[in-house]
N, C-alpha and C. Protein backbone atom coordinates (compact mmCIF):
# COMPACT_ATOMS: atom_id res chain seq x y z
N UNK A 1 85.91 64.81 67.85
CA UNK A 1 86.27 63.99 68.98
C UNK A 1 87.42 64.62 69.78
N UNK A 2 88.45 65.10 69.08
CA UNK A 2 89.58 65.72 69.75
C UNK A 2 89.13 66.98 70.48
N UNK A 3 88.28 67.79 69.81
CA UNK A 3 87.76 69.01 70.43
C UNK A 3 86.96 68.71 71.68
N UNK A 4 86.20 67.62 71.65
CA UNK A 4 85.39 67.23 72.80
C UNK A 4 86.29 66.85 73.97
N UNK A 5 87.35 66.10 73.71
CA UNK A 5 88.30 65.71 74.76
C UNK A 5 88.98 66.95 75.33
N UNK A 6 89.35 67.88 74.45
CA UNK A 6 90.00 69.11 74.90
C UNK A 6 89.06 69.91 75.79
N UNK A 7 87.78 69.98 75.42
CA UNK A 7 86.80 70.70 76.23
C UNK A 7 86.62 70.03 77.58
N UNK A 8 86.58 68.70 77.60
CA UNK A 8 86.43 67.99 78.87
C UNK A 8 87.63 68.24 79.76
N UNK A 9 88.84 68.18 79.19
CA UNK A 9 90.03 68.45 79.98
C UNK A 9 90.02 69.87 80.50
N UNK A 10 89.60 70.80 79.65
CA UNK A 10 89.57 72.20 80.04
C UNK A 10 88.55 72.43 81.15
N UNK A 11 87.39 71.81 81.05
CA UNK A 11 86.38 71.99 82.09
C UNK A 11 86.84 71.34 83.39
N UNK A 12 87.54 70.20 83.31
CA UNK A 12 88.06 69.57 84.52
C UNK A 12 89.09 70.46 85.20
N UNK A 13 89.94 71.11 84.40
CA UNK A 13 90.95 72.01 84.97
C UNK A 13 90.28 73.21 85.62
N UNK A 14 89.22 73.74 85.01
CA UNK A 14 88.53 74.88 85.57
C UNK A 14 87.85 74.50 86.89
N UNK A 15 87.32 73.29 86.98
CA UNK A 15 86.69 72.84 88.21
C UNK A 15 87.72 72.73 89.33
N UNK A 16 88.93 72.34 88.98
CA UNK A 16 89.99 72.20 89.98
C UNK A 16 90.60 73.55 90.33
N UNK A 17 90.31 74.59 89.54
CA UNK A 17 90.84 75.91 89.83
C UNK A 17 92.22 76.13 89.27
N UNK A 18 92.75 75.22 88.46
CA UNK A 18 94.09 75.36 87.91
C UNK A 18 94.01 75.91 86.49
N UNK A 19 94.85 76.90 86.22
CA UNK A 19 94.94 77.44 84.87
C UNK A 19 96.36 77.21 84.36
N UNK A 20 96.48 76.84 83.12
CA UNK A 20 97.80 76.65 82.55
C UNK A 20 98.42 78.01 82.26
N UNK A 21 99.70 78.01 82.03
CA UNK A 21 100.41 79.25 81.70
C UNK A 21 99.82 79.87 80.44
N UNK A 22 99.50 79.04 79.47
CA UNK A 22 98.92 79.52 78.22
C UNK A 22 97.57 80.19 78.47
N UNK A 23 96.76 79.61 79.35
CA UNK A 23 95.46 80.20 79.67
C UNK A 23 95.62 81.54 80.39
N UNK A 24 96.63 81.64 81.26
CA UNK A 24 96.85 82.90 81.97
C UNK A 24 97.28 84.02 81.03
N UNK A 25 97.90 83.67 79.91
CA UNK A 25 98.31 84.69 78.94
C UNK A 25 97.12 85.23 78.15
N UNK A 26 96.05 84.49 78.12
CA UNK A 26 94.86 84.88 77.36
C UNK A 26 93.63 84.88 78.28
N UNK A 27 93.47 85.94 79.07
CA UNK A 27 92.40 85.93 80.07
C UNK A 27 91.00 86.23 79.53
N UNK A 28 90.90 86.86 78.36
CA UNK A 28 89.59 87.18 77.80
C UNK A 28 89.02 85.95 77.10
N UNK A 29 87.82 85.54 77.52
CA UNK A 29 87.21 84.32 77.00
C UNK A 29 85.82 84.59 76.44
N UNK A 30 85.52 83.87 75.38
CA UNK A 30 84.15 83.80 74.89
C UNK A 30 83.63 82.45 75.35
N UNK A 31 82.54 82.49 76.09
CA UNK A 31 81.97 81.25 76.61
C UNK A 31 80.58 81.03 76.05
N UNK A 32 80.20 79.78 76.01
CA UNK A 32 78.84 79.39 75.63
C UNK A 32 78.21 78.80 76.88
N UNK A 33 77.19 79.47 77.43
CA UNK A 33 76.55 78.93 78.64
C UNK A 33 75.76 77.66 78.34
N UNK A 34 75.82 76.74 79.27
CA UNK A 34 75.11 75.47 79.17
C UNK A 34 74.12 75.35 80.33
N UNK A 35 73.23 74.39 80.27
CA UNK A 35 72.32 74.18 81.41
C UNK A 35 73.08 73.84 82.69
N UNK A 36 72.42 74.06 83.82
CA UNK A 36 72.95 73.75 85.15
C UNK A 36 74.23 74.52 85.45
N UNK A 37 74.29 75.78 85.04
CA UNK A 37 75.40 76.68 85.35
C UNK A 37 76.76 76.18 84.84
N UNK A 38 76.76 75.39 83.80
CA UNK A 38 78.00 74.94 83.18
C UNK A 38 78.31 75.85 82.00
N UNK A 39 79.55 75.75 81.51
CA UNK A 39 79.95 76.58 80.37
C UNK A 39 81.04 75.89 79.58
N UNK A 40 81.13 76.29 78.32
CA UNK A 40 82.20 75.82 77.45
C UNK A 40 82.98 77.06 76.99
N UNK A 41 84.28 77.02 77.13
CA UNK A 41 85.10 78.11 76.63
C UNK A 41 85.29 77.88 75.13
N UNK A 42 84.78 78.82 74.34
CA UNK A 42 84.84 78.71 72.89
C UNK A 42 86.19 79.18 72.38
N UNK A 43 86.69 80.29 72.92
CA UNK A 43 87.97 80.85 72.49
C UNK A 43 88.56 81.73 73.58
N UNK A 44 89.89 81.88 73.55
CA UNK A 44 90.60 82.74 74.50
C UNK A 44 91.40 83.78 73.72
N UNK A 45 91.51 84.97 74.32
CA UNK A 45 92.22 86.07 73.67
C UNK A 45 93.05 86.84 74.68
N UNK A 46 94.13 87.44 74.19
CA UNK A 46 94.97 88.27 75.06
C UNK A 46 94.38 89.66 75.22
N UNK A 47 93.73 90.17 74.18
CA UNK A 47 93.18 91.52 74.21
C UNK A 47 91.67 91.50 74.13
N UNK A 48 91.06 92.42 74.87
CA UNK A 48 89.60 92.51 74.89
C UNK A 48 89.06 92.87 73.50
N UNK A 49 89.74 93.75 72.80
CA UNK A 49 89.25 94.17 71.48
C UNK A 49 89.21 92.99 70.51
N UNK A 50 90.19 92.11 70.59
CA UNK A 50 90.18 90.91 69.73
C UNK A 50 89.00 90.01 70.08
N UNK A 51 88.75 89.86 71.38
CA UNK A 51 87.64 89.02 71.83
C UNK A 51 86.30 89.61 71.39
N UNK A 52 86.16 90.92 71.51
CA UNK A 52 84.91 91.56 71.10
C UNK A 52 84.68 91.42 69.60
N UNK A 53 85.73 91.56 68.80
CA UNK A 53 85.60 91.41 67.35
C UNK A 53 85.18 89.98 66.99
N UNK A 54 85.79 89.00 67.64
CA UNK A 54 85.44 87.60 67.38
C UNK A 54 84.00 87.31 67.81
N UNK A 55 83.61 87.90 68.93
CA UNK A 55 82.25 87.73 69.42
C UNK A 55 81.23 88.30 68.43
N UNK A 56 81.53 89.44 67.83
CA UNK A 56 80.64 90.01 66.82
C UNK A 56 80.47 89.07 65.63
N UNK A 57 81.58 88.47 65.20
CA UNK A 57 81.53 87.53 64.08
C UNK A 57 80.67 86.32 64.44
N UNK A 58 80.88 85.78 65.63
CA UNK A 58 80.09 84.62 66.07
C UNK A 58 78.60 84.95 66.11
N UNK A 59 78.29 86.13 66.61
CA UNK A 59 76.88 86.52 66.71
C UNK A 59 76.25 86.74 65.33
N UNK A 60 77.05 87.19 64.37
CA UNK A 60 76.52 87.35 63.01
C UNK A 60 76.33 86.01 62.33
N UNK A 61 77.28 85.10 62.54
CA UNK A 61 77.20 83.78 61.89
C UNK A 61 76.16 82.87 62.53
N UNK A 62 76.02 82.97 63.85
CA UNK A 62 75.07 82.11 64.57
C UNK A 62 74.23 82.96 65.52
N UNK A 63 73.25 83.69 64.97
CA UNK A 63 72.48 84.61 65.81
C UNK A 63 71.61 83.93 66.88
N UNK A 64 71.30 82.66 66.70
CA UNK A 64 70.46 81.97 67.68
C UNK A 64 71.24 81.46 68.89
N UNK A 65 72.55 81.40 68.77
CA UNK A 65 73.39 80.90 69.88
C UNK A 65 73.72 82.05 70.83
N UNK A 66 73.88 81.72 72.10
CA UNK A 66 74.22 82.73 73.09
C UNK A 66 75.69 82.58 73.47
N UNK A 67 76.42 83.68 73.37
CA UNK A 67 77.84 83.72 73.75
C UNK A 67 78.04 84.89 74.70
N UNK A 68 78.97 84.73 75.63
CA UNK A 68 79.26 85.77 76.62
C UNK A 68 80.76 86.00 76.66
N UNK A 69 81.14 87.25 76.78
CA UNK A 69 82.55 87.63 76.91
C UNK A 69 82.85 87.81 78.39
N UNK A 70 83.90 87.14 78.87
CA UNK A 70 84.27 87.25 80.28
C UNK A 70 85.78 87.46 80.41
N UNK A 71 86.18 88.00 81.55
CA UNK A 71 87.59 88.07 81.91
C UNK A 71 87.82 86.97 82.93
N UNK A 72 88.57 85.96 82.55
CA UNK A 72 88.78 84.77 83.37
C UNK A 72 90.05 84.94 84.19
N UNK A 73 89.89 85.41 85.42
CA UNK A 73 91.08 85.62 86.26
C UNK A 73 91.56 84.29 86.83
N UNK A 74 92.78 84.28 87.27
CA UNK A 74 93.39 83.08 87.84
C UNK A 74 93.05 83.02 89.33
N UNK A 75 92.21 82.07 89.76
CA UNK A 75 91.84 82.01 91.18
C UNK A 75 93.03 81.74 92.10
N UNK A 76 94.02 80.99 91.64
CA UNK A 76 95.19 80.72 92.47
C UNK A 76 95.99 82.00 92.70
N UNK A 77 96.15 82.83 91.67
CA UNK A 77 96.90 84.07 91.81
C UNK A 77 96.15 85.03 92.73
N UNK A 78 94.84 85.04 92.64
CA UNK A 78 94.03 85.89 93.50
C UNK A 78 94.21 85.48 94.96
N UNK A 79 94.27 84.18 95.21
CA UNK A 79 94.48 83.68 96.57
C UNK A 79 95.86 84.08 97.08
N UNK A 80 96.87 83.99 96.23
CA UNK A 80 98.24 84.37 96.62
C UNK A 80 98.28 85.86 96.96
N UNK A 81 97.63 86.70 96.14
CA UNK A 81 97.60 88.13 96.40
C UNK A 81 96.89 88.45 97.71
N UNK A 82 95.82 87.75 98.01
CA UNK A 82 95.08 87.96 99.25
C UNK A 82 95.93 87.59 100.45
N UNK A 83 96.60 86.46 100.37
CA UNK A 83 97.45 86.01 101.48
C UNK A 83 98.61 86.97 101.68
N UNK A 84 99.25 87.42 100.60
CA UNK A 84 100.38 88.34 100.74
C UNK A 84 99.93 89.68 101.27
N UNK A 85 98.71 90.10 100.95
CA UNK A 85 98.18 91.36 101.47
C UNK A 85 97.95 91.24 102.98
N UNK A 86 97.49 90.08 103.41
CA UNK A 86 97.27 89.88 104.85
C UNK A 86 98.60 89.89 105.60
N UNK A 87 99.64 89.34 105.01
CA UNK A 87 100.93 89.25 105.66
C UNK A 87 101.54 90.65 105.82
N UNK A 88 101.36 91.52 104.84
CA UNK A 88 101.95 92.86 104.86
C UNK A 88 101.30 93.76 105.90
N UNK A 89 100.07 93.46 106.26
CA UNK A 89 99.34 94.33 107.20
C UNK A 89 99.84 94.19 108.59
């Protein structure tokens, strides 16, 4: 039940485009794709190698499930960088 609430809160935050400081520290994510282009973030990692190792374990333990490794960038930071680049030109 707690995990479900945490996932709902996390998906709501992702829909709003806001990432917490903790999420920004761990940009590598293992996601589980869902129907209708939705996703659940299974785990977050600071290093890609850690994420890849965890992904291998998940695939060995649950070979029928589909998991994807992504780099989850901060959309707000990307917008700030774009605006500052326009200002400098």
